[in-house]
């Protein structure tokens, strides 16, 4: 099932993308959870009831008529993974990590598909990073790698936008990563039952129609299952927590001729089966 969050009536509503268009969950099932976070936390029985209600709904709106919010608008945690593709490490002249490299973003960085993102005045080196994003489905602590995917609710396309000179001004990456709007997420959240193997998904990025990244999650150093298990050894993962699992090769940082993202550029990121995440970039005011 393809779930999404969209702006309407002064708030953010929950929808399901169907062949007929997007069905408003609140209209189709008034007793269902009203937000993505609530639906994720409610469990599989409630999700099945929503699926049945949406299947019989007659009213739907074309996706292009909606203003999308981040697929998961209010996660408790946004955890990101660095250098998690072998070829990406190689293009940056970095060794393949022996252990996962983690950093955090925060809710200020979230943006929906189609939402304009401001390149701040503090950077001249804005870069893109297409990523498979895993969303936790239930409380997870000390889970094994073998059982970890059972704790994943679904998957989405993410763009870990980065300000490279700010990221690399110290050994801590947060200053160049946790920028307003620099974690676009969407357009939708696809439930895990529709993603048979998260380690076999094509990942691509276009800038103004020019293909820049074209890889596959099979090149990950640490799989989704390994990341979820590893994180759960030191923290409790909760329903709705978001994990950006790393980017493949093809970023601007790894190019000989580095032409950084500029206001007016449009970045499109796609993970196979999860939809295209569109990010128009604009300049700062003042």
Foldseek 3Di string as FASTA:
>chain_A
DWKFWFDDPNRIFIWDQDPVAIDGLCVQPVVADGAPLRNLAVDDVSVVVSVVSVVPDDDHDHPVVTHTFFQQQAFPFEKEWEQFFCQACVLLVHHRDPDTDIDGAHNQQEGEFPDEDADAPVAPFKKKFKFKKWFFRFKFAQDALVCQVVRTFFIWIWIQIFRVVLQVPDPHRCRGGHDGNRIYIDRTTDGVVVVVDQQAKWKWKDKQNRTQDTDTSVRTNADPSRVRNVVNHPDIHGGGHMYGYYGHDRMLSSDPDRDHDDQQMWMWIDIPPRDIGIYHYHYDDD
